Protein backbone atom coordinates (compact mmCIF):
# COMPACT_ATOMS: atom_id res chain seq x y z
CA MET A 1 -170.34 13.57 -37.30
CA ASP A 2 -173.10 16.07 -36.75
CA ALA A 3 -172.99 19.13 -39.04
CA THR A 4 -173.70 21.39 -36.06
CA ALA A 5 -170.51 20.24 -34.30
CA VAL A 6 -168.46 21.01 -37.41
CA LYS A 7 -170.13 24.41 -37.81
CA ASP A 8 -169.34 25.29 -34.20
CA VAL A 9 -165.62 24.61 -34.72
CA VAL A 10 -165.43 26.34 -38.10
CA GLU A 11 -167.20 29.51 -36.99
CA ARG A 12 -165.31 30.08 -33.73
CA GLN A 13 -163.95 33.58 -33.34
CA PRO A 14 -161.09 33.99 -33.49
CA PHE A 15 -160.42 31.09 -35.83
CA ARG A 16 -158.28 28.34 -34.30
CA PRO A 17 -156.52 25.66 -36.40
CA PHE A 18 -157.99 22.16 -36.36
CA ALA A 19 -157.93 18.90 -38.29
CA VAL A 20 -160.57 16.36 -39.19
CA ARG A 21 -159.95 12.63 -39.20
CA LEU A 22 -162.08 10.65 -41.65
CA SER A 23 -163.49 7.13 -41.43
CA ASP A 24 -160.88 5.89 -43.95
CA GLY A 25 -158.00 7.24 -41.82
CA ARG A 26 -157.19 10.33 -43.89
CA GLN A 27 -156.70 13.57 -41.99
CA TYR A 28 -157.00 17.14 -43.26
CA THR A 29 -155.68 20.16 -41.40
CA PHE A 30 -157.22 23.62 -41.57
CA ARG A 31 -154.62 26.18 -40.50
CA THR A 32 -156.40 29.35 -41.65
CA PRO A 33 -159.98 30.25 -42.59
CA ARG A 34 -158.85 30.40 -46.22
CA ASP A 35 -158.22 26.63 -46.13
CA LEU A 36 -161.93 25.99 -45.69
CA GLY A 37 -165.21 26.45 -47.49
CA ALA A 38 -168.70 25.26 -46.61
CA PRO A 39 -172.30 25.78 -47.63
CA ARG A 40 -174.68 27.05 -44.95
CA SER A 41 -175.88 23.52 -44.17
CA TYR A 42 -172.34 22.31 -43.30
CA ARG A 43 -173.22 18.85 -44.68
CA GLU A 44 -169.92 18.97 -46.51
CA ILE A 45 -166.81 21.08 -46.23
CA PHE A 46 -164.06 21.91 -48.69
CA ARG A 47 -160.34 21.76 -47.93
CA PHE A 48 -158.43 24.10 -50.24
CA GLY A 49 -154.75 23.30 -50.72
CA ASP A 50 -152.08 25.07 -52.76
CA SER A 51 -152.98 23.30 -55.99
CA GLU A 52 -155.96 21.07 -55.20
CA TRP A 53 -159.16 20.91 -53.21
CA VAL A 54 -161.03 18.11 -51.44
CA LEU A 55 -164.76 17.79 -50.78
CA ILE A 56 -165.38 16.16 -47.38
CA ASP A 57 -168.77 14.71 -46.48
CA VAL A 58 -169.33 15.57 -42.82
CA GLU A 59 -170.81 12.09 -42.22
CA ASN A 60 -167.31 10.68 -42.87
CA ILE A 61 -165.67 12.79 -40.15
CA MET A 62 -164.90 10.57 -37.19
CA GLU A 63 -163.02 13.12 -35.08
CA ILE A 64 -162.12 16.79 -34.89
CA VAL A 65 -158.53 17.14 -33.71
CA GLU A 66 -157.32 20.33 -32.07
CA PRO A 67 -153.67 21.03 -31.28
């Protein structure tokens, strides 16, 4: 997926929950802005959980899912 498309969803105001579906079938949900981190380039994003974090390469995102 294009980094610009991800940036547009992440930076919406007000923040709205969304999920990303990856090429391997995994899906990560971002319910609050605190669940997410990203460098300015948005070539990767971080999903912060309660006790772990995941680095997601934006090229592996197949779909952005919005409720």
